[in-house]
Amino acid sequence: MKVAKFGGTSLANAEQIKKVCSIVMADRDRRLVVVSAPGKRHKEDTKVTDLLISCANRFLQQQQAEEEKQAVFARYEEIIAELGLGEAVAEQIKSELDDVLSNRQGLSAERFMDAAKAAGEDTCAKIVAHYLRSLGEEASYVNPQDAGMLVSDEAGNAHVLPEAYAKLASLRERSGITVFPGFFGYAKSGELVTFSRGGSDITGSILAAAVTAEVYENFTDVDSVYVVNPNLIANPKEVKEITYREMRELSYSGFSVFHEEALIPAYEADIPVCIKNTNNPSAPGTMIVAERPFATNRVSGIASDSGFCSIYVSKYLMNKEIGFGRKLLQIFEEEGISYEHTPSGIDNISVILREKDLTEEKEKRIIERMFRELGADDVAVQHSLALVMIVGEGMRQSVGTTARATTALAAAKVNLEMINQGSSEVSMMFGVKAAEADRAVIALYQEFFGDEGETAAELLAASSAASVTV
């Protein structure tokens, strides 16, 4: 049995849905299908989930959102008409959507927003099941609550509960093709709760683990995972095989192919994951596995993500003060902020945060508390940082990776604000100014993957030209 998940671009219109259904029918082991909400049909288009969020926001503000609601209806009506599913299906879908989007039924703003967002995946799953049946297939839509997708009661940030797996395992016994909406589940109280944005990947991974699938296929709009962002480097090298740990690090660092939390259920159940292209299903894709052999190049990928800041704290003899680290991090806990990294020296430590979590008020309060409660000698905040990550299991057996990376960055005139390497040695992180992140990634790509004779400057020029052309 295979679990096949299809992303928003794979379901953006009727033509794409027809491709999806052809892929599903081509392999009888693809009996459990997870769908996202329809994505963009073209660059200037709006994803259905974003339409639903706009609709919910307007309804919460004005108690009506007719224009926004009609935009949602229009997307699905167009898909249903082009799939030839008939007026009865169109009216049923419209009625169910209208019920969700026009009636809070005593729901809090958070509950209403979750219900509205989930309607994208839920409606798409029903349409795909209808279309498969119109082709003569035995296919059924299943609601996550009926299937046993139990999750924590955290609006917009649900996590699967351990007892859900045993309930979901029964999906393996269903006949025909089961179409399952991604992105949401139900709390024990019966309330609908969504995962974080992009959570359909998480749904697929949970189901693959629950039914002990042979493989979890994640269909998107690229032939494979690439060693670097293809929008930055033209025709980058493909990754044929990568480990869970490597992919987790790259997803965290800005790879948008796979949700960063989605690998955990598959990893724990030892289910291989295959990234494939809906528009080119014959391409082998990228396999994500527990272990892989190491090639000559020990680095598997390079990624960057912006939107970080650093709080630097200095205190003489900090390393001798028992409990200093605990008291420091407790300040962030009490302010409701999670941290990303904490590189340190004997008399100083930096705490790396997501910039969106650090409001001006919180920043001022945290600095005051560090001087008052920790007796800090100096506290400094640096904004607009990016984290550039080199990832590779093989770096543990490789000498000189850091030297190669820092030399390449120096040659590209990228100033390093911070260097950090995890104890697992799977990744190496460089903090740079956000404005220099692209230049850093290009320099590192040239060093570890570039063709002989091709310089980082040439890659940067080619990248800039490609951006202008686009």
Protein backbone atom coordinates (compact mmCIF):
# COMPACT_ATOMS: atom_id res chain seq x y z
CA MET A 1 0.00 0.00 0.00
CA LYS A 2 1.21 3.48 -0.90
CA VAL A 3 0.09 6.81 0.50
CA ALA A 4 0.16 9.52 -2.19
CA LYS A 5 -0.13 13.18 -1.21
CA PHE A 6 -0.73 15.88 -3.81
CA GLY A 7 0.10 19.54 -3.18
CA GLY A 8 -1.80 22.65 -4.15
CA THR A 9 -0.15 23.16 -7.55
CA SER A 10 -1.06 19.56 -8.42
CA LEU A 11 -4.74 20.38 -7.79
CA ALA A 12 -4.93 23.99 -8.95
CA ASN A 13 -7.47 23.36 -11.72
CA ALA A 14 -9.43 20.62 -13.47
CA GLU A 15 -6.58 19.76 -15.84
CA GLN A 16 -4.25 19.15 -12.89
CA ILE A 17 -6.85 17.09 -11.04
CA LYS A 18 -7.20 14.89 -14.12
CA LYS A 19 -3.43 14.31 -14.02
CA VAL A 20 -3.63 13.44 -10.34
CA CYS A 21 -6.36 10.89 -10.89
CA SER A 22 -4.45 9.33 -13.81
CA ILE A 23 -1.41 8.94 -11.55
CA VAL A 24 -3.50 7.34 -8.81
CA MET A 25 -5.19 4.91 -11.20
CA ALA A 26 -1.86 3.96 -12.81
CA ASP A 27 -0.72 2.19 -9.65
CA ARG A 28 -3.24 0.09 -7.74
CA ASP A 29 -1.09 0.30 -4.62
CA ARG A 30 -1.97 4.01 -4.36
CA ARG A 31 -5.05 3.33 -2.29
CA LEU A 32 -4.81 6.23 0.16
CA VAL A 33 -4.69 9.70 -1.40
CA VAL A 34 -4.16 12.92 0.58
CA VAL A 35 -5.05 16.23 -1.06
CA SER A 36 -4.27 19.88 -0.40
CA ALA A 37 -6.49 22.82 -1.31
CA PRO A 38 -6.15 24.09 -4.90
CA GLY A 39 -3.06 26.27 -5.32
CA LYS A 40 -2.15 28.95 -7.82
CA ARG A 41 -3.07 28.42 -11.48
CA HIS A 42 -0.52 31.03 -12.54
CA LYS A 43 1.95 33.40 -10.92
CA GLU A 44 -0.55 36.20 -10.23
CA ASP A 45 -3.27 33.85 -8.96
CA THR A 46 -4.37 33.39 -5.34
CA LYS A 47 -4.34 30.07 -3.50
CA VAL A 48 -7.73 28.86 -2.31
CA THR A 49 -6.46 28.76 1.29
CA ASP A 50 -5.59 32.46 1.05
CA LEU A 51 -9.06 33.19 -0.38
CA LEU A 52 -10.59 31.35 2.57
CA ILE A 53 -8.47 33.27 5.07
CA SER A 54 -9.55 36.58 3.48
CA CYS A 55 -13.16 35.46 3.59
CA ALA A 56 -12.94 34.45 7.26
CA ASN A 57 -11.22 37.69 8.24
CA ARG A 58 -13.87 39.81 6.50
CA PHE A 59 -16.67 37.78 8.11
CA LEU A 60 -15.12 38.20 11.56
CA GLN A 61 -14.85 41.94 11.01
CA GLN A 62 -18.20 42.66 9.34
CA GLN A 63 -20.37 39.55 9.86
CA GLN A 64 -20.63 39.09 6.12
CA ALA A 65 -18.17 38.43 3.28
CA GLU A 66 -20.20 37.95 0.12
CA GLU A 67 -17.52 39.09 -2.33
CA GLU A 68 -14.82 36.91 -0.77
CA LYS A 69 -17.20 33.97 -0.52
CA GLN A 70 -18.13 34.23 -4.18
CA ALA A 71 -14.42 34.16 -5.12
CA VAL A 72 -14.11 30.81 -3.30
CA PHE A 73 -17.29 29.45 -4.90
CA ALA A 74 -16.06 30.50 -8.35
CA ARG A 75 -12.82 28.52 -8.03
CA TYR A 76 -14.60 25.30 -7.16
CA GLU A 77 -17.46 25.83 -9.62
CA GLU A 78 -14.94 26.21 -12.44
CA ILE A 79 -13.19 22.97 -11.43
CA ILE A 80 -16.45 21.04 -11.09
CA ALA A 81 -17.75 22.26 -14.46
CA GLU A 82 -14.51 21.39 -16.30
CA LEU A 83 -14.47 17.94 -14.68
CA GLY A 84 -18.05 17.41 -15.93
CA LEU A 85 -19.40 16.49 -12.50
CA GLY A 86 -22.78 18.14 -13.02
CA GLU A 87 -25.03 20.65 -11.26
CA ALA A 88 -25.98 18.37 -8.38
CA VAL A 89 -22.37 18.06 -7.23
CA ALA A 90 -21.82 21.80 -7.71
CA GLU A 91 -24.86 22.68 -5.59
CA GLN A 92 -23.88 20.23 -2.85
CA ILE A 93 -20.32 21.59 -2.66
CA LYS A 94 -21.54 25.21 -2.68
CA SER A 95 -24.07 24.52 0.08
CA GLU A 96 -21.48 22.84 2.31
CA LEU A 97 -18.98 25.68 1.77
CA ASP A 98 -21.62 28.31 2.44
CA ASP A 99 -22.50 26.62 5.71
CA VAL A 100 -18.88 26.79 6.87
CA LEU A 101 -18.19 30.34 5.71
CA SER A 102 -21.45 32.01 6.75
CA ASN A 103 -22.12 30.64 10.20
CA ARG A 104 -19.83 30.93 13.22
CA GLN A 105 -22.30 28.88 15.29
CA GLY A 106 -20.87 30.19 18.53
CA LEU A 107 -17.27 29.50 17.45
CA SER A 108 -14.44 31.67 18.70
CA ALA A 109 -12.47 33.61 16.09
CA GLU A 110 -9.68 30.99 16.19
CA ARG A 111 -12.13 28.09 15.78
CA PHE A 112 -13.92 29.81 12.93
CA MET A 113 -10.64 30.54 11.15
CA ASP A 114 -9.55 26.90 11.47
CA ALA A 115 -12.89 25.69 10.07
CA ALA A 116 -12.65 28.11 7.15
CA LYS A 117 -9.07 27.16 6.28
CA ALA A 118 -9.82 23.43 6.48
CA ALA A 119 -12.68 23.83 4.00
CA GLY A 120 -10.13 24.12 1.18
CA GLU A 121 -8.71 20.63 1.61
CA ASP A 122 -12.04 19.13 2.65
CA THR A 123 -13.86 20.38 -0.44
CA CYS A 124 -11.03 19.35 -2.75
CA ALA A 125 -11.05 15.81 -1.34
CA LYS A 126 -14.78 15.49 -2.03
CA ILE A 127 -14.34 16.71 -5.61
CA VAL A 128 -11.46 14.31 -6.31
CA ALA A 129 -13.50 11.38 -4.94
CA HIS A 130 -16.48 12.41 -7.12
CA TYR A 131 -14.27 12.59 -10.21
CA LEU A 132 -12.66 9.19 -9.58
CA ARG A 133 -16.13 7.65 -9.26
CA SER A 134 -17.17 9.35 -12.52
CA LEU A 135 -14.29 7.45 -14.17
CA GLY A 136 -15.68 4.16 -12.87
CA GLU A 137 -13.33 3.80 -9.91
CA GLU A 138 -14.37 2.64 -6.46
CA ALA A 139 -13.44 5.77 -4.52
CA SER A 140 -14.63 7.39 -1.33
CA TYR A 141 -14.03 10.57 0.65
CA VAL A 142 -13.38 10.07 4.36
CA ASN A 143 -13.69 12.75 7.01
CA PRO A 144 -10.69 12.95 9.37
CA GLN A 145 -12.97 12.83 12.41
CA ASP A 146 -14.59 9.61 11.25
CA ALA A 147 -11.18 8.12 10.45
CA GLY A 148 -9.74 8.95 13.89
CA MET A 149 -7.33 11.80 13.14
CA LEU A 150 -7.05 12.90 16.78
CA VAL A 151 -4.91 15.98 17.37
CA SER A 152 -4.00 18.36 20.16
CA ASP A 153 -6.37 21.24 20.79
CA GLU A 154 -4.05 24.00 19.53
CA ALA A 155 -5.76 26.19 16.96
CA GLY A 156 -3.62 26.56 13.87
CA ASN A 157 -0.82 24.46 15.33
CA ALA A 158 -2.21 20.98 16.00
CA HIS A 159 -0.05 17.92 16.66
CA VAL A 160 -1.17 14.34 16.21
CA LEU A 161 -2.00 12.42 19.39
CA PRO A 162 -0.35 8.98 19.84
CA GLU A 163 -3.70 7.18 20.04
CA ALA A 164 -4.63 8.40 16.55
CA TYR A 165 -2.33 5.90 14.86
CA ALA A 166 -4.26 2.83 16.02
CA LYS A 167 -7.55 4.36 14.85
CA LEU A 168 -6.15 5.44 11.48
CA ALA A 169 -4.66 1.98 10.86
CA SER A 170 -8.13 0.72 9.88
CA LEU A 171 -7.89 2.81 6.70
CA ARG A 172 -5.73 0.01 5.35
CA GLU A 173 -8.76 -2.29 5.29
CA ARG A 174 -10.95 -0.02 3.17
CA SER A 175 -11.59 -1.16 -0.37
CA GLY A 176 -10.93 0.98 -3.42
CA ILE A 177 -9.30 4.41 -3.29
CA THR A 178 -9.72 6.51 -0.15
CA VAL A 179 -9.40 10.28 -0.55
CA PHE A 180 -8.38 12.03 2.66
CA PRO A 181 -8.25 15.83 3.16
CA GLY A 182 -4.95 17.08 4.52
CA PHE A 183 -4.17 19.88 6.96
CA PHE A 184 -6.62 19.21 9.79
CA GLY A 185 -7.88 16.79 12.41
CA TYR A 186 -10.13 16.86 15.46
CA ALA A 187 -9.47 17.36 19.14
CA LYS A 188 -10.93 14.89 21.64
CA SER A 189 -13.62 17.50 22.33
CA GLY A 190 -14.76 17.15 18.72
CA GLU A 191 -13.48 20.56 17.64
CA LEU A 192 -11.84 20.89 14.23
CA VAL A 193 -8.18 21.96 14.51
CA THR A 194 -5.66 22.64 11.71
CA PHE A 195 -1.98 21.87 11.55
CA SER A 196 0.43 24.72 10.83
CA ARG A 197 0.36 26.12 7.28
CA GLY A 198 1.46 23.52 4.74
CA GLY A 199 0.27 20.79 7.07
CA SER A 200 -1.08 18.48 4.36
CA ASP A 201 2.45 17.04 4.21
CA ILE A 202 2.05 16.19 7.90
CA THR A 203 -1.28 14.44 7.27
CA GLY A 204 0.28 12.25 4.59
CA SER A 205 3.19 11.31 6.82
CA ILE A 206 0.87 10.42 9.72
CA LEU A 207 -1.28 8.22 7.50
CA ALA A 208 1.75 6.50 5.95
CA ALA A 209 2.98 5.60 9.44
CA ALA A 210 -0.48 4.52 10.62
CA VAL A 211 -1.11 2.10 7.73
CA THR A 212 2.57 1.01 7.55
CA ALA A 213 2.75 2.05 3.91
CA GLU A 214 5.39 0.71 1.56
CA VAL A 215 6.26 4.29 0.67
CA TYR A 216 4.89 7.79 1.20
CA GLU A 217 4.81 9.58 -2.16
CA ASN A 218 4.68 13.36 -1.98
CA PHE A 219 3.75 14.84 -5.37
CA THR A 220 4.67 18.44 -6.08
CA ASP A 221 5.72 20.51 -9.12
CA VAL A 222 9.43 19.63 -9.35
CA ASP A 223 11.15 16.47 -10.59
CA SER A 224 13.20 16.11 -7.43
CA VAL A 225 14.78 17.90 -4.53
CA TYR A 226 17.69 20.05 -5.66
CA VAL A 227 20.88 20.75 -3.74
CA VAL A 228 20.00 24.46 -3.76
CA ASN A 229 17.03 26.69 -4.52
CA PRO A 230 16.46 26.45 -8.32
CA ASN A 231 15.20 30.04 -8.32
CA LEU A 232 18.68 31.10 -7.27
CA ILE A 233 20.88 28.75 -9.33
CA ALA A 234 19.92 27.79 -12.87
CA ASN A 235 19.80 24.01 -13.41
CA PRO A 236 21.19 22.98 -10.02
CA LYS A 237 22.20 19.41 -9.34
CA GLU A 238 19.44 17.00 -8.31
CA VAL A 239 19.41 14.99 -5.10
CA LYS A 240 18.57 11.36 -5.82
CA GLU A 241 18.72 10.15 -2.22
CA ILE A 242 18.80 12.00 1.10
CA THR A 243 18.33 11.02 4.74
CA TYR A 244 15.49 12.09 7.01
CA ARG A 245 17.95 14.08 9.13
CA GLU A 246 19.36 15.94 6.13
CA MET A 247 15.91 16.74 4.75
CA ARG A 248 14.69 17.91 8.14
CA GLU A 249 17.62 20.33 8.41
CA LEU A 250 17.12 21.63 4.86
CA SER A 251 13.35 22.06 5.34
CA TYR A 252 13.99 24.08 8.48
CA SER A 253 16.53 26.19 6.62
CA GLY A 254 14.25 27.31 3.83
CA PHE A 255 13.63 24.35 1.49
CA SER A 256 9.96 24.75 0.54
CA VAL A 257 9.53 21.30 -1.03
CA PHE A 258 8.55 19.61 2.21
CA HIS A 259 7.02 20.83 5.49
CA GLU A 260 9.71 20.73 8.18
CA GLU A 261 7.54 18.79 10.69
CA ALA A 262 6.22 16.29 8.17
CA LEU A 263 9.08 13.81 8.27
CA ILE A 264 8.75 12.88 11.94
CA PRO A 265 5.91 10.28 11.66
CA ALA A 266 7.48 8.67 8.58
CA TYR A 267 10.93 8.69 10.20
CA GLU A 268 9.69 7.08 13.41
CA ALA A 269 7.91 4.35 11.44
CA ASP A 270 10.83 3.93 9.01
CA ILE A 271 8.63 4.67 5.98
CA PRO A 272 10.65 5.88 2.96
CA VAL A 273 9.41 9.11 1.39
CA CYS A 274 9.57 9.83 -2.34
CA ILE A 275 9.26 13.38 -3.72
CA LYS A 276 7.76 13.21 -7.22
CA ASN A 277 6.44 15.55 -9.91
CA THR A 278 2.74 15.48 -10.83
CA ASN A 279 3.61 16.92 -14.25
CA ASN A 280 6.32 14.32 -14.87
CA PRO A 281 5.35 11.23 -12.85
CA SER A 282 7.80 8.95 -14.67
CA ALA A 283 10.77 10.85 -13.19
CA PRO A 284 12.30 8.84 -10.33
CA GLY A 285 12.18 11.76 -7.90
CA THR A 286 14.10 11.99 -4.63
CA MET A 287 14.03 9.24 -2.02
CA ILE A 288 14.21 10.20 1.66
CA VAL A 289 15.56 7.28 3.66
CA ALA A 290 17.06 6.45 7.06
CA GLU A 291 20.60 5.83 5.78
CA ARG A 292 22.41 6.35 2.49
CA PRO A 293 25.87 5.70 1.08
CA PHE A 294 28.11 8.75 0.86
CA ALA A 295 29.46 9.94 -2.45
CA THR A 296 32.69 11.89 -2.88
CA ASN A 297 30.86 15.10 -2.13
CA ARG A 298 29.90 14.91 1.53
CA VAL A 299 27.47 17.85 1.34
CA SER A 300 23.90 17.04 0.30
CA GLY A 301 22.36 20.51 0.15
CA ILE A 302 22.63 24.23 0.85
CA ALA A 303 19.73 26.40 2.01
CA SER A 304 19.05 29.79 3.53
CA ASP A 305 16.22 31.44 5.37
CA SER A 306 15.81 35.07 6.45
CA GLY A 307 13.78 36.71 9.19
CA PHE A 308 16.10 36.09 12.15
CA CYS A 309 17.64 38.28 14.81
CA SER A 310 20.30 37.74 17.43
CA ILE A 311 20.45 38.85 21.06
CA TYR A 312 24.07 38.90 22.22
CA VAL A 313 24.70 38.72 25.98
CA SER A 314 28.14 39.22 27.53
CA LYS A 315 29.14 38.74 31.18
CA TYR A 316 32.63 38.19 32.58
CA LEU A 317 33.04 34.65 34.03
CA MET A 318 29.67 33.61 32.67
CA ASN A 319 30.97 30.05 32.32
CA LYS A 320 31.56 29.84 36.09
CA GLU A 321 28.05 30.95 37.02
CA ILE A 322 25.86 27.90 37.68
CA GLY A 323 22.36 28.31 36.27
CA PHE A 324 23.12 31.27 34.00
CA GLY A 325 21.88 29.51 30.86
CA ARG A 326 18.70 28.35 32.56
CA LYS A 327 17.90 31.83 33.85
CA LEU A 328 18.62 33.35 30.44
CA LEU A 329 16.31 30.99 28.58
CA GLN A 330 13.67 31.32 31.29
CA ILE A 331 13.34 34.98 30.36
CA PHE A 332 12.42 33.97 26.80
CA GLU A 333 10.04 31.30 28.09
CA GLU A 334 8.23 33.81 30.28
CA GLU A 335 7.98 36.19 27.34
CA GLY A 336 6.42 33.44 25.21
CA ILE A 337 9.31 33.23 22.74
CA SER A 338 10.99 30.05 21.49
CA TYR A 339 14.64 30.23 20.47
CA GLU A 340 16.33 28.70 17.44
CA HIS A 341 20.04 28.48 18.35
CA THR A 342 22.35 29.45 21.20
CA PRO A 343 26.00 29.65 20.08
CA SER A 344 28.24 30.61 22.98
CA GLY A 345 31.73 31.39 24.25
CA ILE A 346 33.15 31.43 27.78
CA ASP A 347 31.95 34.97 28.54
CA ASN A 348 29.17 35.43 26.00
CA ILE A 349 26.17 33.77 24.44
CA SER A 350 23.91 34.65 21.52
CA VAL A 351 20.27 33.64 21.29
CA ILE A 352 18.92 33.39 17.75
CA LEU A 353 15.20 34.11 17.37
CA ARG A 354 12.61 34.45 14.65
CA GLU A 355 12.32 38.20 14.16
CA LYS A 356 8.52 38.05 13.94
CA ASP A 357 8.39 36.80 17.54
CA LEU A 358 10.33 39.75 18.94
CA THR A 359 8.11 42.81 19.13
CA GLU A 360 9.55 46.19 20.03
CA GLU A 361 7.97 46.00 23.47
CA LYS A 362 9.29 42.51 24.16
CA GLU A 363 12.76 43.47 22.97
CA LYS A 364 12.92 46.40 25.35
CA ARG A 365 11.61 44.31 28.25
CA ILE A 366 14.01 41.41 27.58
CA ILE A 367 17.04 43.71 27.47
CA GLU A 368 16.02 45.34 30.76
CA ARG A 369 15.55 41.93 32.39
CA MET A 370 18.94 40.69 31.21
CA PHE A 371 20.71 43.61 32.84
CA ARG A 372 18.57 43.44 35.99
CA GLU A 373 18.20 39.68 36.53
CA LEU A 374 21.38 38.35 34.94
CA GLY A 375 23.76 41.19 35.71
CA ALA A 376 24.86 41.27 32.08
CA ASP A 377 27.80 43.49 31.14
CA ASP A 378 26.52 44.05 27.61
CA VAL A 379 23.39 43.18 25.61
CA ALA A 380 23.09 43.88 21.89
CA VAL A 381 20.37 43.04 19.37
CA GLN A 382 21.12 42.51 15.70
CA HIS A 383 18.19 42.46 13.27
CA SER A 384 17.78 41.39 9.63
CA LEU A 385 19.84 38.23 9.76
CA ALA A 386 19.69 35.17 7.53
CA LEU A 387 20.85 31.67 8.38
CA VAL A 388 22.72 29.82 5.65
CA MET A 389 22.99 26.08 6.19
CA ILE A 390 25.26 23.43 4.70
CA VAL A 391 23.80 19.98 5.29
CA GLY A 392 25.30 16.54 4.80
CA GLU A 393 25.60 13.31 6.79
CA GLY A 394 29.02 12.78 5.19
CA MET A 395 30.49 15.86 6.83
CA ARG A 396 31.14 13.75 9.93
CA GLN A 397 33.73 11.76 8.00
CA SER A 398 35.10 14.72 6.05
CA VAL A 399 38.02 16.95 7.02
CA GLY A 400 38.13 20.59 5.96
CA THR A 401 34.45 21.34 5.23
CA THR A 402 34.46 24.40 7.48
CA ALA A 403 37.66 25.70 5.94
CA ARG A 404 36.30 25.29 2.41
CA ALA A 405 33.04 27.05 3.33
CA THR A 406 34.60 30.02 5.14
CA THR A 407 37.20 30.49 2.39
CA ALA A 408 34.44 30.55 -0.24
CA LEU A 409 32.41 33.04 1.76
CA ALA A 410 35.43 35.28 2.32
CA ALA A 411 36.18 35.26 -1.40
CA ALA A 412 32.58 36.34 -2.04
CA LYS A 413 33.03 39.17 0.51
CA VAL A 414 30.32 37.80 2.79
CA ASN A 415 30.86 38.84 6.40
CA LEU A 416 30.06 36.12 8.94
CA GLU A 417 28.08 37.24 11.97
CA MET A 418 28.05 33.76 13.50
CA ILE A 419 29.10 30.14 12.92
CA ASN A 420 27.43 27.18 14.60
CA GLN A 421 27.74 23.42 14.08
CA GLY A 422 25.47 20.92 15.78
CA SER A 423 26.98 18.08 17.77
CA SER A 424 25.53 15.61 15.26
CA GLU A 425 27.71 17.27 12.57
CA VAL A 426 24.91 16.86 10.04
CA SER A 427 24.70 20.61 9.49
CA MET A 428 26.81 23.75 9.66
CA MET A 429 25.14 27.13 10.04
CA PHE A 430 26.39 30.59 9.14
CA GLY A 431 24.67 33.77 10.25
CA VAL A 432 24.93 36.55 7.67
CA LYS A 433 23.17 39.81 6.94
CA ALA A 434 19.95 39.08 5.07
CA ALA A 435 21.10 41.21 2.11
CA GLU A 436 24.12 38.92 1.65
CA ALA A 437 22.30 35.57 1.92
CA ASP A 438 21.91 34.90 -1.81
CA ARG A 439 25.56 35.74 -2.46
CA ALA A 440 26.57 33.36 0.34
CA VAL A 441 24.49 30.49 -1.05
CA ILE A 442 25.87 30.97 -4.57
CA ALA A 443 29.45 30.99 -3.27
CA LEU A 444 28.89 27.80 -1.27
CA TYR A 445 27.19 26.09 -4.21
CA GLN A 446 30.15 26.86 -6.43
CA GLU A 447 32.55 25.52 -3.81
CA PHE A 448 30.78 22.21 -3.20
CA PHE A 449 28.82 21.56 -6.41
CA GLY A 450 30.01 23.98 -9.10
CA ASP A 451 31.47 22.84 -12.40
CA GLU A 452 35.22 23.10 -12.68
CA GLY A 453 36.20 26.52 -13.97
CA GLU A 454 32.85 28.13 -13.17
CA THR A 455 33.38 30.85 -10.60
CA ALA A 456 30.98 32.11 -7.93
CA ALA A 457 30.97 35.51 -9.70
CA GLU A 458 29.80 33.86 -12.92
CA LEU A 459 27.07 31.99 -11.05
CA LEU A 460 25.93 35.21 -9.39
CA ALA A 461 25.81 37.00 -12.74
CA ALA A 462 23.86 34.14 -14.33
CA SER A 463 21.48 34.08 -11.38
CA SER A 464 20.88 37.84 -11.62
CA ALA A 465 20.24 37.59 -15.36
CA ALA A 466 17.75 34.77 -14.81
CA SER A 467 15.91 36.88 -12.21
CA VAL A 468 15.64 39.80 -14.64
CA THR A 469 14.34 37.50 -17.39
CA VAL A 470 11.68 36.07 -15.10
